[in-house]
Amino acid sequence: MLGGTEATGSRALRLGVGGAALAFVVLGSLHALTIPAYEPSDEPPHVGYILVLREGSLPTIDTPIPRGWSAELDAMVEHNVATFGDYRGDVLAANHPPLLYVMASGPLALGERMGGPEAGLRFARLASVLFASGGVVATGVLAAALVPGRPRVAITAAWFAGLLPLHVHTASFLYTDGLAVAVFIATLAAGAVLIRRGWSTSRLAAVAAFGALAPATRAAGLAATGAAGLATLI
């Protein structure tokens, strides 16, 4: 046990995993605030998803990205259409479930009221970073459940997840990736904790909650939900 006692190891685990999540938030926020708006060509369809939801409907992959909300967004959509074809003017992200877009709509609207559409995008990006930081914490919890009594392993796993360049990069945009990774890992962690520590109402509720959220983020989350269901049966 790190530090010689269980209490010391538990405190070190919390500080180590928390530090990894904080480092992730700092790096992701720098990305979110400094990379130009819509620089990743896949970002406009994700913003368009939220704009269509605000109109009171659920988009399909053939739904046009609403125009007139932002001059920068309109310019990028026109560039994408001219470069790749007419389909790049549609909400291609509509193949994803709506959870991320519902959660990010509030930050986008808040930023829009405070500084205009581009500020709204920055706020939504920062929200994505915060959502994804939960995945760093969940990685530490999962590792601690799989390798109990060795907090160094859990801390190392959390820092690896928090400093992985591709994860930091994609989580700093308005993509589903950051939230999806966080929810998927949290689902697996909840299942591992249930198996390791045994049955309880709170642990079963955690498995059920994350298992329900996983496929609401991305369809691939059904795999995590299946793993959580298997953990419940075990």
C-alpha atoms as a PDB file:
ATOM      1  CA  MET A   1       0.000   0.000   0.000  1.00  0.00           C
ATOM      2  CA  LEU A   2       1.351   3.406  -1.002  1.00  0.00           C
ATOM      3  CA  GLY A   3       2.609   5.271   2.070  1.00  0.00           C
ATOM      4  CA  GLY A   4       2.346   2.201   4.302  1.00  0.00           C
ATOM      5  CA  THR A   5      -1.288   2.606   5.376  1.00  0.00           C
ATOM      6  CA  GLU A   6      -4.668   2.193   3.744  1.00  0.00           C
ATOM      7  CA  ALA A   7      -5.632   5.791   4.572  1.00  0.00           C
ATOM      8  CA  THR A   8      -2.463   7.165   3.026  1.00  0.00           C
ATOM      9  CA  GLY A   9      -2.953   5.040  -0.074  1.00  0.00           C
ATOM     10  CA  SER A  10      -6.548   6.181  -0.456  1.00  0.00           C
ATOM     11  CA  ARG A  11      -5.553   9.829  -0.137  1.00  0.00           C
ATOM     12  CA  ALA A  12      -2.715   9.388  -2.616  1.00  0.00           C
ATOM     13  CA  LEU A  13      -5.137   7.709  -5.029  1.00  0.00           C
ATOM     14  CA  ARG A  14      -7.594  10.599  -4.834  1.00  0.00           C
ATOM     15  CA  LEU A  15      -4.868  13.210  -5.259  1.00  0.00           C
ATOM     16  CA  GLY A  16      -3.168  11.341  -8.087  1.00  0.00           C
ATOM     17  CA  VAL A  17      -6.322  10.713 -10.097  1.00  0.00           C
ATOM     18  CA  GLY A  18      -7.637  14.211  -9.372  1.00  0.00           C
ATOM     19  CA  GLY A  19      -4.339  15.699 -10.558  1.00  0.00           C
ATOM     20  CA  ALA A  20      -4.572  13.735 -13.797  1.00  0.00           C
ATOM     21  CA  ALA A  21      -8.111  15.026 -14.404  1.00  0.00           C
ATOM     22  CA  LEU A  22      -6.993  18.596 -13.678  1.00  0.00           C
ATOM     23  CA  ALA A  23      -4.068  18.304 -16.090  1.00  0.00           C
ATOM     24  CA  PHE A  24      -6.447  16.992 -18.731  1.00  0.00           C
ATOM     25  CA  VAL A  25      -8.838  19.930 -18.221  1.00  0.00           C
ATOM     26  CA  VAL A  26      -5.991  22.460 -18.494  1.00  0.00           C
ATOM     27  CA  LEU A  27      -4.574  20.943 -21.688  1.00  0.00           C
ATOM     28  CA  GLY A  28      -7.997  20.420 -23.240  1.00  0.00           C
ATOM     29  CA  SER A  29      -9.096  23.961 -22.408  1.00  0.00           C
ATOM     30  CA  LEU A  30      -5.984  25.396 -24.075  1.00  0.00           C
ATOM     31  CA  HIS A  31      -6.884  23.408 -27.181  1.00  0.00           C
ATOM     32  CA  ALA A  32     -10.516  24.463 -27.057  1.00  0.00           C
ATOM     33  CA  LEU A  33      -9.720  28.160 -26.717  1.00  0.00           C
ATOM     34  CA  THR A  34      -6.827  28.468 -29.152  1.00  0.00           C
ATOM     35  CA  ILE A  35      -7.695  26.282 -32.147  1.00  0.00           C
ATOM     36  CA  PRO A  36      -9.706  28.403 -34.618  1.00  0.00           C
ATOM     37  CA  ALA A  37     -13.456  27.895 -34.785  1.00  0.00           C
ATOM     38  CA  TYR A  38     -14.474  25.060 -37.097  1.00  0.00           C
ATOM     39  CA  GLU A  39     -10.818  24.327 -37.921  1.00  0.00           C
ATOM     40  CA  PRO A  40     -11.663  20.610 -37.689  1.00  0.00           C
ATOM     41  CA  SER A  41     -13.882  20.103 -40.731  1.00  0.00           C
ATOM     42  CA  ASP A  42     -16.156  17.696 -38.836  1.00  0.00           C
ATOM     43  CA  GLU A  43     -17.192  20.285 -36.247  1.00  0.00           C
ATOM     44  CA  PRO A  44     -19.895  22.143 -38.276  1.00  0.00           C
ATOM     45  CA  PRO A  45     -22.268  19.124 -38.427  1.00  0.00           C
ATOM     46  CA  HIS A  46     -22.061  18.772 -34.641  1.00  0.00           C
ATOM     47  CA  VAL A  47     -22.926  22.441 -34.144  1.00  0.00           C
ATOM     48  CA  GLY A  48     -25.677  22.038 -36.728  1.00  0.00           C
ATOM     49  CA  TYR A  49     -27.106  19.159 -34.659  1.00  0.00           C
ATOM     50  CA  ILE A  50     -27.602  21.520 -31.705  1.00  0.00           C
ATOM     51  CA  LEU A  51     -29.079  24.241 -33.905  1.00  0.00           C
ATOM     52  CA  VAL A  52     -31.645  21.812 -35.307  1.00  0.00           C
ATOM     53  CA  LEU A  53     -32.527  20.639 -31.784  1.00  0.00           C
ATOM     54  CA  ARG A  54     -33.097  24.247 -30.823  1.00  0.00           C
ATOM     55  CA  GLU A  55     -35.645  24.450 -33.621  1.00  0.00           C
ATOM     56  CA  GLY A  56     -37.569  21.640 -31.944  1.00  0.00           C
ATOM     57  CA  SER A  57     -36.737  18.711 -34.201  1.00  0.00           C
ATOM     58  CA  LEU A  58     -34.290  15.820 -34.368  1.00  0.00           C
ATOM     59  CA  PRO A  59     -31.959  15.951 -37.389  1.00  0.00           C
ATOM     60  CA  THR A  60     -31.220  13.192 -39.862  1.00  0.00           C
ATOM     61  CA  ILE A  61     -28.028  12.843 -41.896  1.00  0.00           C
ATOM     62  CA  ASP A  62     -29.859  14.587 -44.758  1.00  0.00           C
ATOM     63  CA  THR A  63     -30.921  17.614 -42.689  1.00  0.00           C
ATOM     64  CA  PRO A  64     -29.131  20.778 -43.912  1.00  0.00           C
ATOM     65  CA  ILE A  65     -26.974  22.609 -41.385  1.00  0.00           C
ATOM     66  CA  PRO A  66     -28.964  25.750 -40.490  1.00  0.00           C
ATOM     67  CA  ARG A  67     -27.533  28.910 -42.047  1.00  0.00           C
ATOM     68  CA  GLY A  68     -27.474  32.426 -40.664  1.00  0.00           C
ATOM     69  CA  TRP A  69     -26.516  31.633 -37.072  1.00  0.00           C
ATOM     70  CA  SER A  70     -22.821  32.354 -37.551  1.00  0.00           C
ATOM     71  CA  ALA A  71     -20.896  33.858 -40.437  1.00  0.00           C
ATOM     72  CA  GLU A  72     -17.897  31.658 -39.553  1.00  0.00           C
ATOM     73  CA  LEU A  73     -20.040  28.535 -39.566  1.00  0.00           C
ATOM     74  CA  ASP A  74     -21.633  29.463 -42.891  1.00  0.00           C
ATOM     75  CA  ALA A  75     -18.215  30.074 -44.443  1.00  0.00           C
ATOM     76  CA  MET A  76     -16.859  26.733 -43.266  1.00  0.00           C
ATOM     77  CA  VAL A  77     -19.940  24.867 -44.497  1.00  0.00           C
ATOM     78  CA  GLU A  78     -19.597  26.503 -47.914  1.00  0.00           C
ATOM     79  CA  HIS A  79     -15.902  25.585 -47.978  1.00  0.00           C
ATOM     80  CA  ASN A  80     -16.653  21.976 -47.068  1.00  0.00           C
ATOM     81  CA  VAL A  81     -19.372  21.724 -49.716  1.00  0.00           C
ATOM     82  CA  ALA A  82     -17.072  23.174 -52.394  1.00  0.00           C
ATOM     83  CA  THR A  83     -14.224  20.857 -51.358  1.00  0.00           C
ATOM     84  CA  PHE A  84     -15.992  17.584 -50.583  1.00  0.00           C
ATOM     85  CA  GLY A  85     -19.495  17.787 -52.078  1.00  0.00           C
ATOM     86  CA  ASP A  86     -23.047  18.808 -51.203  1.00  0.00           C
ATOM     87  CA  TYR A  87     -23.401  16.170 -48.498  1.00  0.00           C
ATOM     88  CA  ARG A  88     -20.948  18.122 -46.319  1.00  0.00           C
ATOM     89  CA  GLY A  89     -23.621  20.763 -45.912  1.00  0.00           C
ATOM     90  CA  ASP A  90     -25.798  18.330 -43.948  1.00  0.00           C
ATOM     91  CA  VAL A  91     -25.888  17.307 -40.292  1.00  0.00           C
ATOM     92  CA  LEU A  92     -23.800  14.183 -40.809  1.00  0.00           C
ATOM     93  CA  ALA A  93     -23.429  13.839 -37.038  1.00  0.00           C
ATOM     94  CA  ALA A  94     -27.124  12.887 -36.874  1.00  0.00           C
ATOM     95  CA  ASN A  95     -26.086   9.237 -36.850  1.00  0.00           C
ATOM     96  CA  HIS A  96     -25.215   9.786 -33.167  1.00  0.00           C
ATOM     97  CA  PRO A  97     -27.777   9.734 -30.331  1.00  0.00           C
ATOM     98  CA  PRO A  98     -28.611  13.188 -28.919  1.00  0.00           C
ATOM     99  CA  LEU A  99     -27.201  13.074 -25.363  1.00  0.00           C
ATOM    100  CA  LEU A 100     -24.042  15.117 -26.012  1.00  0.00           C
ATOM    101  CA  TYR A 101     -25.919  17.706 -28.035  1.00  0.00           C
ATOM    102  CA  VAL A 102     -28.589  18.156 -25.381  1.00  0.00           C
ATOM    103  CA  MET A 103     -25.911  18.577 -22.704  1.00  0.00           C
ATOM    104  CA  ALA A 104     -23.837  20.997 -24.796  1.00  0.00           C
ATOM    105  CA  SER A 105     -26.777  23.136 -25.914  1.00  0.00           C
ATOM    106  CA  GLY A 106     -26.846  25.022 -22.600  1.00  0.00           C
ATOM    107  CA  PRO A 107     -23.157  26.045 -22.643  1.00  0.00           C
ATOM    108  CA  LEU A 108     -23.452  26.997 -26.320  1.00  0.00           C
ATOM    109  CA  ALA A 109     -26.462  29.221 -25.605  1.00  0.00           C
ATOM    110  CA  LEU A 110     -24.741  30.779 -22.570  1.00  0.00           C
ATOM    111  CA  GLY A 111     -21.618  31.618 -24.527  1.00  0.00           C
ATOM    112  CA  GLU A 112     -23.739  32.972 -27.369  1.00  0.00           C
ATOM    113  CA  ARG A 113     -25.510  35.379 -25.011  1.00  0.00           C
ATOM    114  CA  MET A 114     -22.213  36.507 -23.492  1.00  0.00           C
ATOM    115  CA  GLY A 115     -20.131  36.978 -26.632  1.00  0.00           C
ATOM    116  CA  GLY A 116     -21.843  35.786 -29.782  1.00  0.00           C
ATOM    117  CA  PRO A 117     -21.833  32.532 -31.762  1.00  0.00           C
ATOM    118  CA  GLU A 118     -18.070  31.968 -31.651  1.00  0.00           C
ATOM    119  CA  ALA A 119     -18.059  32.366 -27.864  1.00  0.00           C
ATOM    120  CA  GLY A 120     -20.918  29.875 -27.812  1.00  0.00           C
ATOM    121  CA  LEU A 121     -18.759  27.370 -29.661  1.00  0.00           C
ATOM    122  CA  ARG A 122     -15.892  27.929 -27.218  1.00  0.00           C
ATOM    123  CA  PHE A 123     -18.203  27.357 -24.251  1.00  0.00           C
ATOM    124  CA  ALA A 124     -19.517  24.155 -25.830  1.00  0.00           C
ATOM    125  CA  ARG A 125     -15.941  22.986 -26.434  1.00  0.00           C
ATOM    126  CA  LEU A 126     -15.039  23.660 -22.796  1.00  0.00           C
ATOM    127  CA  ALA A 127     -18.081  21.688 -21.714  1.00  0.00           C
ATOM    128  CA  SER A 128     -16.854  18.791 -23.848  1.00  0.00           C
ATOM    129  CA  VAL A 129     -13.501  18.943 -22.054  1.00  0.00           C
ATOM    130  CA  LEU A 130     -15.209  18.847 -18.661  1.00  0.00           C
ATOM    131  CA  PHE A 131     -17.389  15.912 -19.711  1.00  0.00           C
ATOM    132  CA  ALA A 132     -14.318  14.041 -20.970  1.00  0.00           C
ATOM    133  CA  SER A 133     -12.400  14.649 -17.734  1.00  0.00           C
ATOM    134  CA  GLY A 134     -14.835  12.248 -16.097  1.00  0.00           C
ATOM    135  CA  GLY A 135     -13.275   9.554 -18.250  1.00  0.00           C
ATOM    136  CA  VAL A 136      -9.877  10.204 -16.678  1.00  0.00           C
ATOM    137  CA  VAL A 137     -11.375   9.737 -13.220  1.00  0.00           C
ATOM    138  CA  ALA A 138     -13.280   6.649 -14.369  1.00  0.00           C
ATOM    139  CA  THR A 139     -10.033   5.164 -15.704  1.00  0.00           C
ATOM    140  CA  GLY A 140      -8.514   5.489 -12.247  1.00  0.00           C
ATOM    141  CA  VAL A 141     -11.565   3.897 -10.638  1.00  0.00           C
ATOM    142  CA  LEU A 142     -11.522   1.037 -13.129  1.00  0.00           C
ATOM    143  CA  ALA A 143      -7.817   0.376 -12.588  1.00  0.00           C
ATOM    144  CA  ALA A 144      -8.258   0.509  -8.806  1.00  0.00           C
ATOM    145  CA  ALA A 145     -11.054  -2.077  -9.036  1.00  0.00           C
ATOM    146  CA  LEU A 146      -9.026  -4.354 -11.309  1.00  0.00           C
ATOM    147  CA  VAL A 147      -5.781  -4.066  -9.311  1.00  0.00           C
ATOM    148  CA  PRO A 148      -6.826  -3.362  -5.703  1.00  0.00           C
ATOM    149  CA  GLY A 149      -4.213  -2.401  -3.132  1.00  0.00           C
ATOM    150  CA  ARG A 150      -1.888  -0.870  -5.727  1.00  0.00           C
ATOM    151  CA  PRO A 151      -2.831   2.802  -6.051  1.00  0.00           C
ATOM    152  CA  ARG A 152       0.245   3.501  -8.183  1.00  0.00           C
ATOM    153  CA  VAL A 153      -1.339   1.430 -10.950  1.00  0.00           C
ATOM    154  CA  ALA A 154      -4.592   3.395 -10.839  1.00  0.00           C
ATOM    155  CA  ILE A 155      -2.769   6.737 -10.718  1.00  0.00           C
ATOM    156  CA  THR A 156      -0.552   5.778 -13.645  1.00  0.00           C
ATOM    157  CA  ALA A 157      -3.583   4.655 -15.660  1.00  0.00           C
ATOM    158  CA  ALA A 158      -5.369   7.957 -14.982  1.00  0.00           C
ATOM    159  CA  TRP A 159      -2.351  10.010 -16.020  1.00  0.00           C
ATOM    160  CA  PHE A 160      -1.928   7.943 -19.157  1.00  0.00           C
ATOM    161  CA  ALA A 161      -5.547   8.644 -20.080  1.00  0.00           C
ATOM    162  CA  GLY A 162      -5.245  12.312 -19.139  1.00  0.00           C
ATOM    163  CA  LEU A 163      -2.116  12.947 -21.188  1.00  0.00           C
ATOM    164  CA  LEU A 164      -2.907  10.821 -24.230  1.00  0.00           C
ATOM    165  CA  PRO A 165      -2.535  13.420 -27.037  1.00  0.00           C
ATOM    166  CA  LEU A 166      -5.298  12.098 -29.293  1.00  0.00           C
ATOM    167  CA  HIS A 167      -7.770  11.986 -26.408  1.00  0.00           C
ATOM    168  CA  VAL A 168      -6.964  15.544 -25.323  1.00  0.00           C
ATOM    169  CA  HIS A 169      -7.202  16.725 -28.921  1.00  0.00           C
ATOM    170  CA  THR A 170     -10.558  15.203 -29.855  1.00  0.00           C
ATOM    171  CA  ALA A 171     -12.160  16.005 -26.490  1.00  0.00           C
ATOM    172  CA  SER A 172     -11.422  19.711 -26.982  1.00  0.00           C
ATOM    173  CA  PHE A 173     -13.824  19.984 -29.929  1.00  0.00           C
ATOM    174  CA  LEU A 174     -17.587  19.764 -30.028  1.00  0.00           C
ATOM    175  CA  TYR A 175     -17.488  16.049 -30.805  1.00  0.00           C
ATOM    176  CA  THR A 176     -19.178  13.115 -29.116  1.00  0.00           C
ATOM    177  CA  ASP A 177     -15.823  11.429 -28.478  1.00  0.00           C
ATOM    178  CA  GLY A 178     -15.000  12.964 -25.096  1.00  0.00           C
ATOM    179  CA  LEU A 179     -18.347  12.283 -23.436  1.00  0.00           C
ATOM    180  CA  ALA A 180     -18.604   8.857 -25.066  1.00  0.00           C
ATOM    181  CA  VAL A 181     -15.219   7.716 -23.743  1.00  0.00           C
ATOM    182  CA  ALA A 182     -16.089   9.017 -20.272  1.00  0.00           C
ATOM    183  CA  VAL A 183     -19.429   7.231 -20.130  1.00  0.00           C
ATOM    184  CA  PHE A 184     -18.101   3.995 -21.640  1.00  0.00           C
ATOM    185  CA  ILE A 185     -15.251   3.768 -19.128  1.00  0.00           C
ATOM    186  CA  ALA A 186     -17.544   4.761 -16.257  1.00  0.00           C
ATOM    187  CA  THR A 187     -19.895   1.935 -17.242  1.00  0.00           C
ATOM    188  CA  LEU A 188     -17.048  -0.569 -17.196  1.00  0.00           C
ATOM    189  CA  ALA A 189     -15.751   0.843 -13.909  1.00  0.00           C
ATOM    190  CA  ALA A 190     -19.170   0.585 -12.286  1.00  0.00           C
ATOM    191  CA  GLY A 191     -19.407  -3.056 -13.373  1.00  0.00           C
ATOM    192  CA  ALA A 192     -15.900  -3.829 -12.088  1.00  0.00           C
ATOM    193  CA  VAL A 193     -16.639  -2.214  -8.721  1.00  0.00           C
ATOM    194  CA  LEU A 194     -19.861  -4.210  -8.463  1.00  0.00           C
ATOM    195  CA  ILE A 195     -18.004  -7.461  -9.052  1.00  0.00           C
ATOM    196  CA  ARG A 196     -15.091  -6.560  -6.788  1.00  0.00           C
ATOM    197  CA  ARG A 197     -17.034  -5.161  -3.812  1.00  0.00           C
ATOM    198  CA  GLY A 198     -20.295  -7.039  -4.088  1.00  0.00           C
ATOM    199  CA  TRP A 199     -23.968  -6.195  -4.368  1.00  0.00           C
ATOM    200  CA  SER A 200     -25.423  -2.934  -3.059  1.00  0.00           C
ATOM    201  CA  THR A 201     -28.239  -0.661  -4.150  1.00  0.00           C
ATOM    202  CA  SER A 202     -25.920   2.251  -4.925  1.00  0.00           C
ATOM    203  CA  ARG A 203     -23.519   0.118  -6.978  1.00  0.00           C
ATOM    204  CA  LEU A 204     -26.335  -1.452  -8.942  1.00  0.00           C
ATOM    205  CA  ALA A 205     -27.814   2.006  -9.536  1.00  0.00           C
ATOM    206  CA  ALA A 206     -24.454   3.220 -10.876  1.00  0.00           C
ATOM    207  CA  VAL A 207     -24.273   0.290 -13.295  1.00  0.00           C
ATOM    208  CA  ALA A 208     -27.851   0.929 -14.442  1.00  0.00           C
ATOM    209  CA  ALA A 209     -27.332   4.683 -14.859  1.00  0.00           C
ATOM    210  CA  PHE A 210     -24.097   4.521 -16.815  1.00  0.00           C
ATOM    211  CA  GLY A 211     -25.343   1.515 -18.766  1.00  0.00           C
ATOM    212  CA  ALA A 212     -28.332   3.587 -19.910  1.00  0.00           C
ATOM    213  CA  LEU A 213     -26.234   6.658 -20.748  1.00  0.00           C
ATOM    214  CA  ALA A 214     -23.641   4.786 -22.826  1.00  0.00           C
ATOM    215  CA  PRO A 215     -25.836   4.030 -25.874  1.00  0.00           C
ATOM    216  CA  ALA A 216     -27.456   7.477 -25.567  1.00  0.00           C
ATOM    217  CA  THR A 217     -24.055   8.970 -26.331  1.00  0.00           C
ATOM    218  CA  ARG A 218     -22.920   6.749 -29.195  1.00  0.00           C
ATOM    219  CA  ALA A 219     -24.374   3.525 -30.532  1.00  0.00           C
ATOM    220  CA  ALA A 220     -21.103   1.764 -29.739  1.00  0.00           C
ATOM    221  CA  GLY A 221     -22.008   2.247 -26.090  1.00  0.00           C
ATOM    222  CA  LEU A 222     -24.207  -0.834 -26.356  1.00  0.00           C
ATOM    223  CA  ALA A 223     -21.026  -2.889 -25.939  1.00  0.00           C
ATOM    224  CA  ALA A 224     -20.283  -1.206 -22.619  1.00  0.00           C
ATOM    225  CA  THR A 225     -23.889  -1.664 -21.564  1.00  0.00           C
ATOM    226  CA  GLY A 226     -23.625  -5.374 -22.370  1.00  0.00           C
ATOM    227  CA  ALA A 227     -20.476  -5.647 -20.258  1.00  0.00           C
ATOM    228  CA  ALA A 228     -22.228  -3.907 -17.382  1.00  0.00           C
ATOM    229  CA  GLY A 229     -25.158  -6.298 -17.707  1.00  0.00           C
ATOM    230  CA  LEU A 230     -22.777  -9.234 -17.579  1.00  0.00           C
ATOM    231  CA  ALA A 231     -21.202  -7.789 -14.429  1.00  0.00           C
ATOM    232  CA  THR A 232     -24.642  -7.567 -12.845  1.00  0.00           C
ATOM    233  CA  LEU A 233     -25.358 -11.220 -13.641  1.00  0.00           C
ATOM    234  CA  ILE A 234     -21.999 -12.280 -12.226  1.00  0.00           C
END
